[in-house]
Structures are given as structure tokens and as C-alpha cells.
């Protein structure tokens, strides 16, 4: 298993971990097709620590069929969450069947919530089921979704309007100013800058050069004529 420091830069959550997870199945993000990729995604996005990732990788290697089943269930969970988010963006009420499936998965995840000791006290963490938790990566995702659905930010869920994008975003910005994902936002700002400043300046410079062209040509002709006289 690769250590976190050897992985690509952590993906900035698209507002919430659950949105980032659903976006992993969209055309603009690399999809998760193997259990190893699921573990790597969990490490990159803070859903899984290095020690848990190492342990789960060993379990998956020893029990490949169970790992494949855990991946299948994880993909089903992603599909359920995607349908719920699609409904909330509209906004409309998600399908009852999807909410039942989500609540069952959330309940199973919360059953593994634990108070974990630290040097300064305790913090919330997750229990270790001794190899029976190959679905461990999705637990924080489900918790993130449950917290989102119960918060005011549920009404600030949107999809990036960039062409061919459609990533889910949760607008937690001050003043609710967010509209784009990071990539499309950069493109939009570059497009605006070009059409607001660069293109008009280029047009003005071109017009200026065209206006000055006759005078420059006349000056060159006069200089050439003077040079010929000196030769004569």
C-alpha cells in the first residue's frame, strides 16, 4: 500500500466528502474500478488513515472475493448517493427507496463509530472489526452525507455548470458565491479576463497600428527618397 506522502496531492473536497465521493464516478474524475483504487481514494481524501489502508490492503489480498463484494457495495452506495444529490439539486424529494437504502447503510456505518483516546483526551473515530470492515472507506462518506442532509447547506448543493462537467458542489463560501468547480472556475476566470482585458486591448492596439500605418509608410518613402538623393 502506498503511503500518503507518495500519493498525488489531496483532492480538495467539493464542499463535502460525500460530494467528492459521488464525483469519483463522473466523466471528469477518474472512476474507482478496483479495491486498491478505492483505498487510494480514501487516503487522498482523508477518509482513511495510512494504518487502516495498509491493514485493509492485506485483508483484501488475502480475501479477494470479499474485497470485490465490498467494492460492489461501495459502488451501489455511490449510485444511491448520486440519485439523492441529483434530486436535492433540483430541488425535489429523493426517492423513498434511495433514502431507505442510504439510512440502512448509514446505520451500519454508525454502528462502528467509536470514541478513540488521544494524547489530549478523546476524539471520534471508527472501530476495527478485525478484517470484517472492508467497506471501511465508505463510512466517513455516509456520515458526511448524513450531516449534509441535516444541515442548511443541503439547500446549497449545486452542480458545476462548466461544459461537460456537472461535478456536485456544496457552496460553503461566504456570501454563497461559489458557482464552479476549481478547474472550470479557473477556465471561466481566464475566459473573462481574455474577453474583458486582453481581447479589447489587442483590438485597440491593432486599430492604433492600422491608423499609424499610412504615416509610417510615408515616413519610410521619404527616408528612402532622401537616401537616393544622397547616392546621386
Protein backbone atom coordinates (compact mmCIF):
# COMPACT_ATOMS: atom_id res chain seq x y z
CA UNK A 1 0.00 0.00 0.00
CA UNK A 2 1.32 3.44 -0.92
CA UNK A 3 1.94 5.89 1.89
CA UNK A 4 0.02 9.19 1.86
CA UNK A 5 3.21 11.21 1.18
CA UNK A 6 3.72 9.21 -2.04
CA UNK A 7 0.21 9.87 -3.31
CA UNK A 8 -0.88 12.81 -5.51
CA UNK A 9 -1.91 15.99 -3.74
CA UNK A 10 -5.08 15.53 -1.70
CA UNK A 11 -8.18 16.34 -3.69
CA UNK A 12 -9.87 19.39 -2.26
CA UNK A 13 -13.32 18.28 -1.13
CA UNK A 14 -16.03 19.66 -3.38
CA UNK A 15 -17.63 21.21 -0.32
CA UNK A 16 -18.17 17.84 1.41
CA UNK A 17 -16.61 14.39 1.35
CA UNK A 18 -19.85 12.82 0.11
CA UNK A 19 -19.88 15.12 -2.95
CA UNK A 20 -16.24 14.28 -3.68
CA UNK A 21 -17.10 10.58 -3.44
CA UNK A 22 -20.05 10.84 -5.84
CA UNK A 23 -17.89 12.87 -8.22
CA UNK A 24 -15.45 9.94 -8.39
CA UNK A 25 -17.91 8.29 -10.78
CA UNK A 26 -18.31 11.25 -13.14
CA UNK A 27 -16.59 11.59 -16.55
CA UNK A 28 -14.38 14.44 -15.30
CA UNK A 29 -12.86 12.38 -12.48
CA UNK A 30 -11.03 9.06 -12.62
CA UNK A 31 -13.53 6.37 -11.64
CA UNK A 32 -12.88 3.79 -8.93
CA UNK A 33 -12.78 0.38 -10.59
CA UNK A 34 -10.64 -1.71 -8.20
CA UNK A 35 -10.47 -2.13 -4.45
CA UNK A 36 -6.92 -0.78 -4.48
CA UNK A 37 -8.15 2.39 -6.19
CA UNK A 38 -10.84 2.70 -3.52
CA UNK A 39 -8.21 2.57 -0.78
CA UNK A 40 -6.05 5.12 -2.62
CA UNK A 41 -9.07 7.42 -2.98
CA UNK A 42 -9.76 7.11 0.74
CA UNK A 43 -6.17 8.05 1.58
CA UNK A 44 -6.10 11.02 -0.81
CA UNK A 45 -9.32 12.45 0.54
CA UNK A 46 -8.82 11.86 4.25
CA UNK A 47 -11.42 9.11 4.61
CA UNK A 48 -8.79 6.55 5.52
CA UNK A 49 -5.56 6.69 7.51
CA UNK A 50 -2.36 5.02 6.41
CA UNK A 51 -2.51 2.28 9.06
CA UNK A 52 -6.08 1.35 8.13
CA UNK A 53 -5.20 1.42 4.43
CA UNK A 54 -2.27 -0.96 5.00
CA UNK A 55 -4.42 -3.31 7.06
CA UNK A 56 -7.29 -3.32 4.55
CA UNK A 57 -4.89 -3.89 1.66
CA UNK A 58 -3.53 -7.01 3.38
CA UNK A 59 -7.06 -8.24 4.10
CA UNK A 60 -8.11 -7.62 0.51
CA UNK A 61 -5.10 -9.53 -0.80
CA UNK A 62 -5.97 -12.48 1.43
CA UNK A 63 -9.70 -12.32 0.67
CA UNK A 64 -10.10 -11.04 -2.92
CA UNK A 65 -13.72 -12.19 -3.28
CA UNK A 66 -14.74 -10.30 -0.14
CA UNK A 67 -12.86 -7.23 -1.37
CA UNK A 68 -14.68 -7.43 -4.72
CA UNK A 69 -18.01 -7.65 -2.90
CA UNK A 70 -17.10 -4.65 -0.73
CA UNK A 71 -16.22 -2.69 -3.87
CA UNK A 72 -19.55 -3.65 -5.47
CA UNK A 73 -21.49 -2.47 -2.41
CA UNK A 74 -19.47 0.73 -2.33
CA UNK A 75 -20.35 1.41 -5.96
CA UNK A 76 -24.02 0.77 -5.18
CA UNK A 77 -23.78 3.27 -2.32
CA UNK A 78 -22.22 5.82 -4.66
CA UNK A 79 -25.09 5.32 -7.13
CA UNK A 80 -27.68 5.79 -4.36
CA UNK A 81 -25.97 8.96 -3.15
CA UNK A 82 -25.77 10.29 -6.70
CA UNK A 83 -29.51 9.88 -7.19
CA UNK A 84 -30.20 11.60 -3.88
CA UNK A 85 -27.90 14.52 -4.74
CA UNK A 86 -29.47 14.84 -8.19
CA UNK A 87 -32.89 15.15 -6.53
CA UNK A 88 -31.69 17.70 -3.99
CA UNK A 89 -30.13 19.92 -6.68
CA UNK A 90 -33.50 20.29 -8.46
CA UNK A 91 -34.71 20.54 -5.64
CA UNK A 92 -37.17 17.74 -5.09
CA UNK A 93 -37.70 14.96 -2.59
CA UNK A 94 -35.39 11.97 -3.16
CA UNK A 95 -37.00 8.60 -3.84
CA UNK A 96 -38.11 6.77 -0.69
CA UNK A 97 -36.25 3.63 -1.78
CA UNK A 98 -32.99 5.57 -2.10
CA UNK A 99 -33.42 7.18 1.31
CA UNK A 100 -34.17 3.78 2.88
CA UNK A 101 -31.03 2.31 1.30
CA UNK A 102 -29.00 5.30 2.46
CA UNK A 103 -30.32 5.15 6.03
CA UNK A 104 -29.61 1.41 6.25
CA UNK A 105 -26.04 1.96 5.07
CA UNK A 106 -25.63 4.94 7.42
CA UNK A 107 -26.93 2.93 10.37
CA UNK A 108 -24.46 0.13 9.64
CA UNK A 109 -21.63 2.67 9.44
CA UNK A 110 -22.59 4.47 12.64
CA UNK A 111 -22.60 1.15 14.50
CA UNK A 112 -18.80 1.31 14.11
CA UNK A 113 -18.43 4.84 15.48
CA UNK A 114 -16.15 4.91 18.50
CA UNK A 115 -14.65 7.34 20.98
CA UNK A 116 -10.90 6.99 20.42
CA UNK A 117 -8.28 8.03 23.02
CA UNK A 118 -5.63 10.59 22.09
CA UNK A 119 -2.78 12.28 23.95
CA UNK A 120 -5.07 15.17 24.91
CA UNK A 121 -8.30 13.28 25.51
CA UNK A 122 -10.71 11.59 23.13
CA UNK A 123 -11.96 12.07 19.59
CA UNK A 124 -14.49 10.42 17.34
CA UNK A 125 -13.09 7.54 15.31
CA UNK A 126 -14.04 4.18 13.84
CA UNK A 127 -13.90 0.70 15.28
CA UNK A 128 -11.76 -2.11 13.90
CA UNK A 129 -13.82 -5.21 13.09
CA UNK A 130 -10.72 -7.31 12.53
CA UNK A 131 -10.86 -7.79 8.79
CA UNK A 132 -14.65 -7.64 8.54
CA UNK A 133 -14.62 -3.94 7.64
CA UNK A 134 -13.56 -3.96 4.01
CA UNK A 135 -16.26 -1.33 3.49
CA UNK A 136 -14.45 0.94 5.97
CA UNK A 137 -13.70 3.63 3.34
CA UNK A 138 -17.35 4.47 2.81
CA UNK A 139 -18.21 5.00 6.49
CA UNK A 140 -16.96 8.63 6.66
CA UNK A 141 -18.67 9.28 3.32
CA UNK A 142 -22.03 8.17 4.71
CA UNK A 143 -21.50 10.26 7.85
CA UNK A 144 -20.67 13.27 5.67
CA UNK A 145 -23.87 12.76 3.66
CA UNK A 146 -25.99 12.40 6.79
CA UNK A 147 -24.58 15.63 8.21
CA UNK A 148 -25.13 17.43 4.91
CA UNK A 149 -28.75 16.31 4.57
CA UNK A 150 -29.49 17.53 8.11
CA UNK A 151 -27.84 20.93 7.64
CA UNK A 152 -28.77 24.20 5.93
CA UNK A 153 -26.09 23.51 3.35
CA UNK A 154 -28.36 20.86 1.89
CA UNK A 155 -30.04 23.81 0.13
CA UNK A 156 -26.67 24.97 -1.22
CA UNK A 157 -25.93 21.87 -3.20
CA UNK A 158 -25.27 22.59 -6.88
CA UNK A 159 -23.65 21.20 -9.99
CA UNK A 160 -20.81 22.89 -11.81
CA UNK A 161 -22.22 24.50 -15.00
CA UNK A 162 -18.96 24.03 -16.91
CA UNK A 163 -19.34 22.39 -20.30
CA UNK A 164 -19.17 18.61 -19.91
CA UNK A 165 -18.50 18.93 -16.16
CA UNK A 166 -21.52 18.62 -13.82
CA UNK A 167 -19.50 17.91 -10.66
CA UNK A 168 -21.50 18.16 -7.44
CA UNK A 169 -20.51 21.05 -5.19
CA UNK A 170 -21.59 22.23 -1.77
CA UNK A 171 -21.34 26.00 -1.55
CA UNK A 172 -19.88 26.76 1.87
CA UNK A 173 -18.34 30.04 0.71
CA UNK A 174 -19.01 33.33 2.44
CA UNK A 175 -21.94 35.02 0.75
CA UNK A 176 -22.80 31.85 -1.19
CA UNK A 177 -20.59 32.99 -4.07
CA UNK A 178 -19.40 29.62 -5.32
CA UNK A 179 -20.57 28.52 -8.75
CA UNK A 180 -17.85 26.47 -10.43
CA UNK A 181 -15.57 23.58 -9.58
CA UNK A 182 -11.92 24.59 -9.27
CA UNK A 183 -10.97 23.65 -12.85
CA UNK A 184 -13.99 25.23 -14.54
CA UNK A 185 -13.67 28.28 -12.27
CA UNK A 186 -10.11 28.81 -13.49
CA UNK A 187 -11.28 28.44 -17.07
CA UNK A 188 -14.15 30.88 -16.52
CA UNK A 189 -11.83 33.47 -14.94
CA UNK A 190 -9.33 33.08 -17.78
CA UNK A 191 -12.13 33.43 -20.34
CA UNK A 192 -13.48 36.54 -18.61
CA UNK A 193 -10.02 38.10 -18.33
CA UNK A 194 -9.31 37.45 -22.00
CA UNK A 195 -12.60 38.93 -23.25
CA UNK A 196 -12.60 41.81 -20.74
CA UNK A 197 -8.98 42.92 -20.99
CA UNK A 198 -6.75 41.03 -23.43
CA UNK A 199 -9.02 40.92 -26.48
CA UNK A 200 -10.15 44.61 -26.24
CA UNK A 201 -6.55 45.71 -25.69
CA UNK A 202 -5.41 43.68 -28.69
CA UNK A 203 -8.21 45.20 -30.78
CA UNK A 204 -7.25 48.74 -29.70
CA UNK A 205 -3.58 48.09 -30.41
CA UNK A 206 -4.43 46.67 -33.84
CA UNK A 207 -6.62 49.69 -34.64
CA UNK A 208 -3.86 52.02 -33.49
CA UNK A 209 -1.27 50.28 -35.64
CA UNK A 210 -3.58 50.38 -38.65
CA UNK A 211 -4.21 54.10 -38.09
CA UNK A 212 -0.48 54.79 -37.82
CA UNK A 213 0.44 52.63 -40.84
CA UNK A 214 -0.02 55.35 -43.54
CA UNK A 215 2.21 57.76 -41.63
CA UNK A 216 4.85 55.08 -41.12
CA UNK A 217 4.76 54.14 -44.80
CA UNK A 218 5.00 57.82 -45.81
CA UNK A 219 7.97 58.33 -43.50
CA UNK A 220 9.71 55.29 -44.97
CA UNK A 221 9.14 56.53 -48.52
CA UNK A 222 10.53 59.94 -47.63
CA UNK A 223 13.55 58.40 -45.93
CA UNK A 224 14.15 56.16 -48.95
CA UNK A 225 13.86 59.13 -51.33
CA UNK A 226 16.37 61.14 -49.29
CA UNK A 227 18.76 58.21 -49.29
CA UNK A 228 18.54 58.01 -53.11
CA UNK A 229 19.31 61.72 -53.44
CA UNK A 230 22.41 61.35 -51.31
CA UNK A 231 23.56 58.50 -53.53
CA UNK A 232 23.01 60.62 -56.68
